Amino acid sequence: MDTKLTLKLDKFVIEQAKKYAASHNRSLSRIIESYLRSLIHRDKNDDESDFEISPFVKSMSTGVNIPADLDYKSEVLNHLTEKHK
């Protein structure tokens, strides 16, 4: 069952991702789903994916666990405040 997901991403990243998807005759949703599936099944051979994820996309995985209660807005504000002191 497909479910809609809204993501907030950098405009440049979205534009480049759309170009990448179009050049590979894939939807951006399908590429993102395959990438997330590869994260979930990292240690398993995922037979459900019908195409290979590029090394560039795989390199974006950082392995960093972000706390569920992270207040990203205050983190950005703190970063910018420190940066512009």
C-alpha atoms as a PDB file:
ATOM      1  CA  MET A   1       0.000   0.000   0.000  1.00  0.00           C
ATOM      2  CA  ASP A   2       1.463   3.348  -1.018  1.00  0.00           C
ATOM      3  CA  THR A   3       1.350   6.249   1.422  1.00  0.00           C
ATOM      4  CA  LYS A   4       2.153   9.878   0.754  1.00  0.00           C
ATOM      5  CA  LEU A   5       5.204  11.387   2.469  1.00  0.00           C
ATOM      6  CA  THR A   6       6.163  15.057   2.513  1.00  0.00           C
ATOM      7  CA  LEU A   7       9.858  15.888   2.766  1.00  0.00           C
ATOM      8  CA  LYS A   8      11.584  19.216   3.245  1.00  0.00           C
ATOM      9  CA  LEU A   9      14.836  19.252   1.262  1.00  0.00           C
ATOM     10  CA  ASP A  10      17.262  21.754  -0.165  1.00  0.00           C
ATOM     11  CA  LYS A  11      15.957  23.177  -3.465  1.00  0.00           C
ATOM     12  CA  PHE A  12      19.212  22.428  -5.310  1.00  0.00           C
ATOM     13  CA  VAL A  13      19.149  18.801  -4.150  1.00  0.00           C
ATOM     14  CA  ILE A  14      15.572  18.405  -5.342  1.00  0.00           C
ATOM     15  CA  GLU A  15      16.347  19.899  -8.757  1.00  0.00           C
ATOM     16  CA  GLN A  16      19.401  17.674  -9.240  1.00  0.00           C
ATOM     17  CA  ALA A  17      17.535  14.600  -8.013  1.00  0.00           C
ATOM     18  CA  LYS A  18      14.708  15.257 -10.482  1.00  0.00           C
ATOM     19  CA  LYS A  19      17.227  15.558 -13.325  1.00  0.00           C
ATOM     20  CA  TYR A  20      18.908  12.332 -12.215  1.00  0.00           C
ATOM     21  CA  ALA A  21      15.568  10.517 -12.043  1.00  0.00           C
ATOM     22  CA  ALA A  22      14.496  11.779 -15.467  1.00  0.00           C
ATOM     23  CA  SER A  23      17.787  10.809 -17.063  1.00  0.00           C
ATOM     24  CA  HIS A  24      17.365   7.271 -15.699  1.00  0.00           C
ATOM     25  CA  ASN A  25      13.662   7.016 -16.653  1.00  0.00           C
ATOM     26  CA  ARG A  26      12.637   6.570 -13.007  1.00  0.00           C
ATOM     27  CA  SER A  27      10.375   8.503 -10.713  1.00  0.00           C
ATOM     28  CA  LEU A  28      11.996  10.342  -7.849  1.00  0.00           C
ATOM     29  CA  SER A  29       9.623   8.574  -5.460  1.00  0.00           C
ATOM     30  CA  ARG A  30      10.796   5.203  -6.709  1.00  0.00           C
ATOM     31  CA  ILE A  31      14.464   6.121  -6.338  1.00  0.00           C
ATOM     32  CA  ILE A  32      13.921   7.388  -2.797  1.00  0.00           C
ATOM     33  CA  GLU A  33      11.913   4.296  -1.890  1.00  0.00           C
ATOM     34  CA  SER A  34      14.683   2.044  -3.220  1.00  0.00           C
ATOM     35  CA  TYR A  35      17.300   3.990  -1.289  1.00  0.00           C
ATOM     36  CA  LEU A  36      15.323   3.748   1.953  1.00  0.00           C
ATOM     37  CA  ARG A  37      14.713   0.049   1.317  1.00  0.00           C
ATOM     38  CA  SER A  38      18.467  -0.452   0.900  1.00  0.00           C
ATOM     39  CA  LEU A  39      19.027   1.186   4.293  1.00  0.00           C
ATOM     40  CA  ILE A  40      16.482  -1.100   5.912  1.00  0.00           C
ATOM     41  CA  HIS A  41      17.936  -4.215   4.295  1.00  0.00           C
ATOM     42  CA  ARG A  42      21.576  -3.136   4.408  1.00  0.00           C
ATOM     43  CA  ASP A  43      22.828  -6.545   5.537  1.00  0.00           C
ATOM     44  CA  LYS A  44      20.495  -8.529   3.300  1.00  0.00           C
ATOM     45  CA  ASN A  45      20.410  -8.960  -0.429  1.00  0.00           C
ATOM     46  CA  ASP A  46      17.296  -7.000  -1.371  1.00  0.00           C
ATOM     47  CA  ASP A  47      15.654  -8.858  -4.267  1.00  0.00           C
ATOM     48  CA  GLU A  48      12.721  -6.410  -4.412  1.00  0.00           C
ATOM     49  CA  SER A  49      14.706  -3.619  -6.070  1.00  0.00           C
ATOM     50  CA  ASP A  50      14.664  -3.827  -9.864  1.00  0.00           C
ATOM     51  CA  PHE A  51      17.631  -1.501 -10.350  1.00  0.00           C
ATOM     52  CA  GLU A  52      20.928  -0.817  -8.656  1.00  0.00           C
ATOM     53  CA  ILE A  53      21.395   2.304  -6.565  1.00  0.00           C
ATOM     54  CA  SER A  54      24.328   4.384  -7.771  1.00  0.00           C
ATOM     55  CA  PRO A  55      27.464   4.652  -5.621  1.00  0.00           C
ATOM     56  CA  PHE A  56      26.811   8.402  -5.277  1.00  0.00           C
ATOM     57  CA  VAL A  57      23.404   7.826  -3.725  1.00  0.00           C
ATOM     58  CA  LYS A  58      24.794   5.076  -1.480  1.00  0.00           C
ATOM     59  CA  SER A  59      27.534   7.464  -0.336  1.00  0.00           C
ATOM     60  CA  MET A  60      24.899   9.793   1.123  1.00  0.00           C
ATOM     61  CA  SER A  61      24.221   7.302   3.910  1.00  0.00           C
ATOM     62  CA  THR A  62      25.979   8.575   7.030  1.00  0.00           C
ATOM     63  CA  GLY A  63      24.913   6.003   9.608  1.00  0.00           C
ATOM     64  CA  VAL A  64      24.130   8.834  12.024  1.00  0.00           C
ATOM     65  CA  ASN A  65      21.163   8.222  14.297  1.00  0.00           C
ATOM     66  CA  ILE A  66      19.137  11.392  14.797  1.00  0.00           C
ATOM     67  CA  PRO A  67      17.026  11.542  17.975  1.00  0.00           C
ATOM     68  CA  ALA A  68      13.281  11.455  17.304  1.00  0.00           C
ATOM     69  CA  ASP A  69      12.722  14.480  19.553  1.00  0.00           C
ATOM     70  CA  LEU A  70      15.385  16.649  17.879  1.00  0.00           C
ATOM     71  CA  ASP A  71      14.277  20.272  17.557  1.00  0.00           C
ATOM     72  CA  TYR A  72      16.006  21.012  14.273  1.00  0.00           C
ATOM     73  CA  LYS A  73      14.829  24.628  14.162  1.00  0.00           C
ATOM     74  CA  SER A  74      16.562  25.469  17.434  1.00  0.00           C
ATOM     75  CA  GLU A  75      19.666  23.565  16.271  1.00  0.00           C
ATOM     76  CA  VAL A  76      19.814  25.629  13.091  1.00  0.00           C
ATOM     77  CA  LEU A  77      19.265  28.822  15.063  1.00  0.00           C
ATOM     78  CA  ASN A  78      22.060  27.884  17.498  1.00  0.00           C
ATOM     79  CA  HIS A  79      24.398  27.069  14.610  1.00  0.00           C
ATOM     80  CA  LEU A  80      23.703  30.343  12.812  1.00  0.00           C
ATOM     81  CA  THR A  81      24.030  32.325  16.038  1.00  0.00           C
ATOM     82  CA  GLU A  82      27.446  30.780  16.714  1.00  0.00           C
ATOM     83  CA  LYS A  83      28.532  31.180  13.097  1.00  0.00           C
ATOM     84  CA  HIS A  84      27.739  34.894  12.944  1.00  0.00           C
ATOM     85  CA  LYS A  85      29.158  35.980  16.319  1.00  0.00           C
END
